[in-house]
Protein backbone atom coordinates (compact mmCIF):
# COMPACT_ATOMS: atom_id res chain seq x y z
CA MET A 1 156.77 47.46 107.20
CA ASN A 2 159.00 46.10 104.20
CA VAL A 3 162.35 47.44 102.97
CA LEU A 4 165.58 46.52 101.40
CA ILE A 5 168.42 48.06 102.43
CA LYS A 6 171.47 47.96 99.86
CA SER A 7 175.14 48.33 100.42
CA ALA A 8 175.12 49.22 103.95
CA THR A 9 178.49 48.43 106.05
CA ILE A 10 177.79 47.11 109.42
CA ILE A 11 179.03 48.28 112.48
CA ASP A 12 178.33 45.97 115.32
CA PRO A 13 180.58 43.81 117.03
CA LYS A 14 177.69 41.44 118.43
CA SER A 15 176.77 40.95 114.66
CA GLU A 16 178.29 38.11 112.31
CA PHE A 17 178.14 40.46 109.67
CA HIS A 18 180.57 42.86 111.79
CA ASN A 19 182.72 45.16 109.15
CA THR A 20 181.33 43.62 106.05
CA THR A 21 179.28 45.35 103.37
CA GLN A 22 175.79 43.59 103.10
CA ASP A 23 172.28 44.16 101.55
CA LEU A 24 169.45 43.55 104.26
CA LEU A 25 165.89 42.55 103.55
CA ILE A 26 163.61 43.55 106.45
CA GLU A 27 160.12 41.88 106.11
CA ASN A 28 157.32 42.63 108.86
CA GLY A 29 159.70 44.72 110.94
CA THR A 30 162.48 41.37 111.08
CA ILE A 31 165.63 41.03 109.17
CA SER A 32 164.65 38.21 106.91
CA LYS A 33 168.02 37.79 104.84
CA ILE A 34 171.30 39.52 104.91
CA ALA A 35 173.74 38.85 101.89
CA THR A 36 176.30 40.53 99.58
CA SER A 37 173.56 41.11 96.90
CA ILE A 38 169.89 40.80 97.16
CA LYS A 39 167.41 41.38 94.58
CA ASN A 40 164.12 43.26 95.39
CA THR A 41 161.73 40.80 93.73
CA ASN A 42 158.69 42.04 95.63
CA ASN A 43 159.46 45.76 94.66
CA TYR A 44 159.73 46.68 98.24
CA GLN A 45 160.70 50.28 99.16
CA GLU A 46 164.62 50.88 98.72
CA ILE A 47 167.20 52.54 100.75
CA LYS A 48 170.77 53.16 98.73
CA LEU A 49 172.61 56.10 100.17
CA ASP A 50 176.06 57.52 99.78
CA ASN A 51 178.50 55.77 102.02
CA LEU A 52 175.99 54.14 104.10
CA HIS A 53 176.87 52.60 107.46
CA ILE A 54 174.48 51.17 109.99
CA SER A 55 174.51 50.13 113.78
CA GLN A 56 172.17 48.93 116.26
CA GLY A 57 170.26 52.20 117.45
CA TRP A 58 171.49 54.47 119.46
CA PHE A 59 170.42 55.65 122.90
CA ASP A 60 170.91 58.89 124.97
CA SER A 61 170.44 58.65 128.74
CA SER A 62 169.75 62.41 129.48
CA VAL A 63 167.02 64.64 127.44
CA CYS A 64 164.79 67.29 128.11
CA PHE A 65 161.88 68.08 126.06
CA GLY A 66 159.71 70.37 128.03
CA GLU A 67 156.09 69.23 127.62
CA PRO A 68 154.41 69.61 129.96
CA GLY A 69 154.92 73.28 130.87
CA PHE A 70 157.68 74.72 128.58
CA GLU A 71 156.43 73.54 125.20
CA GLU A 72 157.87 76.51 124.16
CA ARG A 73 161.06 75.14 124.48
CA GLU A 74 160.43 71.72 122.58
CA THR A 75 157.87 69.35 122.39
CA ILE A 76 157.51 65.91 123.01
CA LYS A 77 156.61 65.49 119.22
CA ASN A 78 159.29 67.39 117.68
CA GLY A 79 161.96 66.39 120.28
CA LEU A 80 160.86 62.66 118.72
CA LYS A 81 161.39 63.86 115.55
CA THR A 82 164.62 65.37 116.64
CA ALA A 83 166.04 62.40 118.15
CA ALA A 84 165.13 60.53 115.20
CA ALA A 85 167.02 62.74 112.82
CA SER A 86 169.85 62.48 115.01
CA GLY A 87 170.30 58.79 114.96
CA PHE A 88 168.66 58.11 118.18
CA THR A 89 166.08 55.09 118.85
CA ALA A 90 165.60 55.51 122.48
CA VAL A 91 165.91 58.59 124.74
CA ALA A 92 165.72 58.72 128.34
CA LEU A 93 163.32 61.93 129.35
CA ASN A 94 163.93 64.03 132.32
CA ALA A 95 161.34 65.29 134.63
CA ASN A 96 162.65 68.89 133.50
CA THR A 97 158.75 69.85 132.98
CA ASN A 98 156.17 71.84 135.11
CA PRO A 99 155.00 70.33 136.81
CA VAL A 100 157.50 67.89 137.23
CA LEU A 101 156.58 64.29 136.27
CA ASP A 102 156.46 62.76 139.88
CA SER A 103 153.45 60.70 139.91
CA ASN A 104 152.04 57.29 138.00
CA SER A 105 149.48 59.42 136.18
CA ASP A 106 152.43 62.20 135.24
CA ILE A 107 154.42 58.68 133.71
CA THR A 108 151.31 57.63 131.85
CA PHE A 109 150.77 60.96 130.24
CA ILE A 110 154.27 60.82 128.80
CA ASN A 111 154.00 57.16 127.36
CA ALA A 112 150.84 57.84 125.71
CA LYS A 113 152.19 61.26 123.98
CA SER A 114 155.13 59.08 122.52
CA HIS A 115 152.98 56.02 121.87
CA ASN A 116 153.53 54.95 118.30
CA ASN A 117 156.85 56.54 117.56
CA ALA A 118 159.83 55.32 115.83
CA VAL A 119 161.73 56.70 118.87
CA THR A 120 161.47 55.04 122.30
CA LEU A 121 161.11 57.49 125.38
CA LEU A 122 161.80 56.20 128.65
CA PRO A 123 160.35 58.52 131.44
CA ILE A 124 162.60 59.47 134.16
CA GLY A 125 160.39 60.29 137.32
CA SER A 126 161.14 62.96 139.77
CA LEU A 127 162.87 61.32 142.84
CA THR A 128 161.54 63.76 144.95
CA THR A 129 157.83 65.41 145.14
CA GLY A 130 157.77 68.59 142.94
CA GLY A 131 161.42 68.11 142.74
CA LYS A 132 161.85 69.85 145.67
CA GLY A 133 164.21 67.77 147.43
CA ALA A 134 162.21 67.49 150.73
CA ASP A 135 160.15 63.97 150.61
CA LEU A 136 160.61 61.29 148.19
CA ALA A 137 157.88 61.08 145.30
CA GLU A 138 155.68 58.06 144.02
CA LEU A 139 158.59 55.90 143.02
CA TYR A 140 157.18 52.64 142.98
CA ASP A 141 153.95 53.67 141.26
CA MET A 142 156.01 55.64 138.76
CA ASN A 143 158.03 52.61 138.27
CA SER A 144 155.10 50.33 137.43
CA ALA A 145 153.69 52.81 135.17
CA GLY A 146 157.27 52.58 133.39
CA ALA A 147 159.44 54.98 134.69
CA VAL A 148 163.29 53.57 134.20
CA ALA A 149 164.96 55.72 136.81
CA PHE A 150 164.64 58.65 139.47
CA TYR A 151 166.17 62.12 138.98
CA ASP A 152 165.55 65.72 140.19
CA TYR A 153 167.13 67.02 136.97
CA LYS A 154 170.28 69.43 137.69
CA LYS A 155 169.00 69.34 141.82
CA PRO A 156 171.89 67.96 144.35
CA ILE A 157 170.04 65.97 146.98
CA SER A 158 171.28 67.86 150.13
CA ASN A 159 169.90 65.74 152.63
CA PRO A 160 172.01 62.37 152.92
CA ASN A 161 169.45 60.63 155.04
CA LEU A 162 167.00 61.25 151.92
CA MET A 163 169.62 60.05 149.45
CA LYS A 164 170.03 56.90 151.40
CA ILE A 165 166.53 56.01 152.03
CA ALA A 166 165.76 56.45 148.44
CA LEU A 167 168.61 54.01 147.75
CA GLN A 168 167.25 51.42 150.20
CA TYR A 169 163.62 52.03 148.91
CA THR A 170 164.31 51.46 145.18
CA SER A 171 166.51 48.37 145.71
CA ASN A 172 163.29 46.80 146.60
CA PHE A 173 162.09 46.78 143.25
CA GLY A 174 165.55 47.25 141.20
CA GLY A 175 165.17 51.05 140.86
CA LEU A 176 167.91 53.26 139.41
CA VAL A 177 168.67 56.44 141.41
CA TYR A 178 170.40 59.70 139.92
CA SER A 179 172.18 61.62 142.04
CA PHE A 180 173.54 64.91 140.44
CA PRO A 181 176.78 65.83 141.61
CA GLN A 182 177.10 68.78 143.45
CA GLU A 183 177.24 70.38 146.46
CA ASN A 184 175.53 73.73 146.63
CA LYS A 185 177.07 74.81 149.50
CA ILE A 186 180.02 74.71 148.06
CA SER A 187 179.54 76.06 144.45
CA GLY A 188 177.40 78.79 145.90
CA ASN A 189 176.36 81.31 143.02
CA GLY A 190 179.49 80.33 141.13
CA VAL A 191 178.52 80.05 137.14
CA MET A 192 181.46 78.73 135.78
CA ASN A 193 184.58 76.71 136.62
CA GLU A 194 186.43 78.31 139.56
CA ASN A 195 190.06 78.66 137.71
CA ILE A 196 192.16 81.47 136.51
CA THR A 197 189.69 81.86 133.71
CA SER A 198 186.83 82.77 136.05
CA THR A 199 189.54 85.21 138.02
CA THR A 200 190.48 86.55 134.59
CA LEU A 201 186.74 87.19 133.97
CA GLY A 202 185.59 88.58 136.73
CA LEU A 203 182.91 85.57 137.25
CA LYS A 204 182.28 83.93 140.35
CA GLY A 205 183.44 80.35 140.28
CA ASN A 206 182.11 76.74 140.82
CA PRO A 207 184.90 74.65 141.99
CA ALA A 208 185.66 70.99 141.04
CA LEU A 209 185.22 70.43 144.85
CA ALA A 210 181.97 71.00 144.69
CA GLU A 211 181.40 67.58 142.50
CA GLU A 212 183.79 65.79 144.26
CA LEU A 213 182.41 66.09 147.52
CA GLN A 214 178.68 65.10 146.32
CA VAL A 215 180.27 62.17 144.45
CA THR A 216 182.25 60.99 147.66
CA ARG A 217 179.15 61.08 149.88
CA ASP A 218 176.74 59.16 147.49
CA LEU A 219 179.58 56.64 147.06
CA PHE A 220 179.50 56.07 150.72
CA LEU A 221 175.73 55.48 150.69
CA LEU A 222 175.80 53.66 148.01
CA GLU A 223 178.25 51.04 149.97
CA TYR A 224 175.96 51.21 152.83
CA THR A 225 172.84 50.62 151.30
CA ASN A 226 173.93 48.35 148.29
CA GLY A 227 171.58 50.24 146.29
CA LYS A 228 171.73 51.03 142.38
CA LEU A 229 173.00 54.59 141.62
CA HIS A 230 173.55 56.48 138.61
CA ILE A 231 175.77 59.86 138.71
CA PRO A 232 174.84 61.95 135.69
CA THR A 233 177.07 64.17 133.89
CA ILE A 234 180.40 64.42 135.71
CA SER A 235 183.08 66.80 134.92
CA THR A 236 186.30 66.38 136.80
CA ALA A 237 189.33 64.22 136.79
CA THR A 238 188.89 63.08 140.58
CA SER A 239 185.28 62.09 139.76
CA VAL A 240 186.75 59.79 137.51
CA ALA A 241 188.98 58.43 139.88
CA LEU A 242 186.94 58.08 142.93
CA ILE A 243 183.81 56.17 140.59
CA ARG A 244 186.67 53.86 139.05
CA GLU A 245 187.95 53.03 142.29
CA ALA A 246 184.16 52.39 143.35
CA LYS A 247 183.64 50.28 140.43
CA LYS A 248 186.68 48.13 141.80
CA LYS A 249 185.00 47.54 144.85
CA LYS A 250 182.06 46.26 142.78
CA LEU A 251 179.51 48.78 143.78
CA ASP A 252 176.43 49.04 141.52
CA VAL A 253 177.05 52.52 140.23
CA SER A 254 177.22 53.79 136.64
CA CYS A 255 178.18 57.22 135.37
CA SER A 256 177.89 59.84 132.62
CA VAL A 257 179.33 62.69 131.05
CA ALA A 258 178.19 65.45 128.46
CA ILE A 259 179.64 65.45 125.20
CA HIS A 260 180.47 68.96 125.69
CA ASN A 261 182.45 68.47 128.61
CA LEU A 262 184.95 66.36 126.55
CA TYR A 263 185.02 68.72 123.83
CA PHE A 264 185.13 72.33 125.29
CA THR A 265 186.99 73.83 128.43
CA ASP A 266 186.43 76.83 130.51
CA THR A 267 189.13 78.75 128.20
CA VAL A 268 185.99 79.09 125.47
CA LEU A 269 183.90 81.49 127.90
CA THR A 270 186.44 84.90 127.13
CA ASP A 271 183.86 86.80 124.94
CA PHE A 272 181.05 85.72 127.75
CA ASN A 273 178.90 83.81 125.19
CA THR A 274 176.21 82.17 126.96
CA HIS A 275 175.72 79.12 124.67
CA PHE A 276 178.68 77.79 126.85
CA LYS A 277 176.76 77.98 130.47
CA VAL A 278 176.20 74.70 131.30
CA LEU A 279 176.05 72.54 134.53
CA PRO A 280 178.49 71.12 135.44
CA PRO A 281 180.42 73.77 134.00
CA LEU A 282 183.25 73.47 131.54
CA ARG A 283 186.49 72.28 133.22
CA THR A 284 190.07 72.42 132.20
CA GLN A 285 192.21 70.40 129.97
CA GLU A 286 193.48 68.15 132.71
CA ASP A 287 190.02 67.03 133.47
CA THR A 288 188.73 67.01 130.04
CA GLN A 289 191.65 64.63 129.01
CA ALA A 290 190.98 62.58 132.42
CA LEU A 291 187.11 62.22 131.48
CA ILE A 292 187.88 61.14 127.75
CA GLU A 293 190.21 58.35 129.83
CA GLY A 294 187.26 57.33 131.69
CA VAL A 295 185.19 56.94 128.23
CA LYS A 296 187.73 54.63 126.65
CA ASP A 297 188.71 52.28 129.78
CA GLY A 298 184.87 51.99 130.83
CA THR A 299 185.01 54.02 134.30
CA ILE A 300 182.65 56.25 132.60
CA ASP A 301 179.29 54.14 131.40
CA MET A 302 177.83 56.15 128.86
CA VAL A 303 178.08 59.81 127.02
CA THR A 304 174.90 61.84 126.76
CA SER A 305 174.11 65.06 124.76
CA ASP A 306 172.12 66.36 127.92
CA HIS A 307 169.90 67.94 125.38
CA ASN A 308 168.47 71.22 127.22
CA PRO A 309 166.38 73.39 125.00
CA ILE A 310 166.21 76.96 126.45
CA ASP A 311 164.24 79.89 125.10
CA ILE A 312 166.13 82.65 123.52
CA GLU A 313 165.06 85.21 126.34
CA GLN A 314 166.84 83.31 129.17
CA LYS A 315 170.25 82.96 126.76
CA LYS A 316 170.29 86.30 125.74
CA VAL A 317 170.76 88.16 128.98
CA GLU A 318 174.14 88.91 131.05
CA PHE A 319 176.29 85.76 131.98
CA ASP A 320 175.29 85.97 135.27
CA HIS A 321 171.70 85.80 134.89
CA ALA A 322 171.40 82.92 131.92
CA GLU A 323 170.07 79.86 132.08
CA TYR A 324 172.25 76.53 132.23
CA GLY A 325 171.98 74.34 129.34
CA THR A 326 172.40 73.46 125.65
CA ILE A 327 170.66 71.45 123.22
CA GLY A 328 172.91 68.54 122.00
CA LEU A 329 171.07 65.60 119.89
CA GLU A 330 171.72 67.26 116.49
CA SER A 331 175.47 67.78 117.16
CA ALA A 332 176.35 64.52 119.34
CA PHE A 333 177.26 61.93 116.57
CA GLY A 334 179.23 64.77 115.06
CA ALA A 335 180.98 65.88 118.04
CA LEU A 336 181.78 62.70 119.32
CA GLN A 337 183.81 61.72 116.07
CA THR A 338 185.86 64.37 116.67
CA ILE A 339 187.34 62.60 119.68
CA PHE A 340 186.90 58.92 119.01
CA THR A 341 187.40 56.48 116.44
CA THR A 342 183.80 55.75 114.20
CA LYS A 343 183.89 52.20 116.04
CA LYS A 344 184.41 53.55 119.95
CA THR A 345 181.69 56.30 119.18
CA ILE A 346 179.15 53.44 118.04
CA ASP A 347 180.18 51.48 121.08
CA ILE A 348 179.46 54.55 123.50
CA LEU A 349 176.30 55.66 121.62
CA THR A 350 174.83 52.06 122.15
CA LYS A 351 176.56 50.84 125.44
CA GLY A 352 174.18 52.71 127.97
CA LYS A 353 171.38 50.35 127.03
CA THR A 354 172.08 47.68 129.40
CA ARG A 355 171.93 49.94 132.36
CA PHE A 356 168.48 50.55 131.32
CA ALA A 357 167.25 47.11 130.56
CA LEU A 358 166.95 48.16 127.05
CA GLU A 359 166.89 44.87 124.64
CA GLN A 360 169.96 44.84 122.22
CA THR A 361 169.04 43.96 118.80
CA PRO A 362 172.10 42.83 116.78
CA ILE A 363 172.04 43.01 113.31
CA ASN A 364 171.49 39.48 112.51
CA ILE A 365 169.25 37.39 110.83
CA GLY A 366 165.84 36.68 112.56
CA ASN A 367 166.32 39.63 114.72
CA LYS A 368 163.65 42.53 114.72
CA ILE A 369 165.02 45.81 113.10
CA ASN A 370 166.46 48.51 115.42
CA ILE A 371 169.46 50.59 113.78
CA THR A 372 170.88 53.87 112.83
CA LEU A 373 171.70 54.90 109.37
CA PHE A 374 174.58 57.42 109.23
CA ASN A 375 177.62 58.61 107.30
CA PRO A 376 180.54 58.95 109.34
CA ASP A 377 183.18 60.31 106.50
CA THR A 378 181.58 63.82 106.17
CA GLU A 379 182.67 67.38 107.42
CA TYR A 380 180.77 70.00 108.22
CA SER A 381 180.56 73.26 109.95
CA PHE A 382 177.40 73.18 112.41
CA SER A 383 175.30 75.95 112.21
CA LYS A 384 171.24 76.83 112.80
CA LYS A 385 170.55 74.99 109.76
CA ASP A 386 171.17 71.86 110.97
CA ILE A 387 168.98 72.26 114.29
CA ILE A 388 165.63 70.62 114.27
CA SER A 389 165.01 71.42 117.94
CA LYS A 390 162.35 74.36 118.69
CA SER A 391 165.03 75.94 120.83
CA LYS A 392 168.35 77.16 118.79
CA ASN A 393 170.61 77.36 122.17
CA THR A 394 173.63 75.20 120.84
CA ILE A 395 177.04 75.13 122.13
CA PHE A 396 178.63 73.57 119.17
CA GLU A 397 177.44 76.29 116.64
CA GLY A 398 180.20 76.87 114.01
CA GLU A 399 182.68 73.92 115.12
CA THR A 400 183.56 71.41 112.69
CA LEU A 401 181.83 67.66 113.03
CA LYS A 402 182.45 64.76 111.56
CA GLY A 403 179.72 62.62 110.07
CA ASN A 404 176.20 63.18 109.41
CA VAL A 405 173.10 60.92 110.03
CA TYR A 406 170.85 59.22 107.56
CA GLY A 407 168.00 58.56 109.92
CA ILE A 408 166.73 55.34 112.01
CA ILE A 409 164.48 52.01 111.62
CA SER A 410 163.01 50.75 114.75
CA ASN A 411 159.63 50.38 116.31
CA ASN A 412 158.48 48.87 112.77
CA LYS A 413 158.93 52.48 111.26
CA ILE A 414 161.08 53.98 108.99
CA SER A 415 161.90 57.47 109.96
CA LEU A 416 164.91 59.21 107.47
CA ASN A 417 166.35 62.55 106.81
CA GLN A 418 165.51 64.28 103.53
């Protein structure tokens, strides 16, 4: 792959060209020259876009595509196309499939389906057999096949001894264990945050306590086992405080928050719109502010779109019966930019790589090209026409977002939006 990128503002603190506008010459997938002006003497493909900015490629630690089993929601092929169009050069794929990904052959299948793509797909294996929470799955075998972590997507492990054993066992090969932060005996049948809003609407509440008890339990187990733990999509102020204290103890813990939990509060549920039914639920303004502060001070390691395509038939029902979840890849960049500066947004979208042992590739001469191309300054109202996913269950419909993505260059491939 040979290409000349013209007049690109580089946002990459690890690059000697950070915060400067440069031309970049890429030959055979490697940056061969960076200068204020480069002539296209070899007649390479030329990329020149309005207010072009580039950064290291973005990463999302939690996406669902459906395949195998839920292809009507999303396929791997179209999911990777969506990720590329949204600026992501790598995504971690949840085992939210049918059957769930719980064996060496399942992980091999996913890797084969995503082979030779501009987006690197990192499969997450199910922590337990069939995702049923009873017995550990083939963790070592899945790790050998390329699984980057183990997670029963949105299903808490109720048995603390099973979580203890998982942390101990995976520490033998450096495996990363996800633990969904919810105590089901406390959350019960709650469908939104337990608060004055749930009382007003007459909906059953899922209290913050349900999350915080599980986080506390898992941090105790982590300290006991010296394992490696990731707590996905926390949503309460107390969870942030608990993880902050655990990091002060030097425990090997990381965590994430879903973008929509930074953007919305439970007050948006007054019209019973099922697009706002997510898990964990939208919480209070106090929680949202604490989460944002947690992102800013590094307590929260990564922000995820928590992209989860759902059929219209499972959303266009009464709120109590609707499925949890929203798509989020297409709106991720624009939503983050309404909360954070462009510099901080790029930091958020790239820093999670280290937890998953993904190679960092600074935009410097001699390095392989792995970049996202974007314009940070546009504003637009997010609508169905902006959705590439097969499913259209977006929580951000009608929201004014900031910045648009041009595409990515990675894995020796160019993927630009038309």
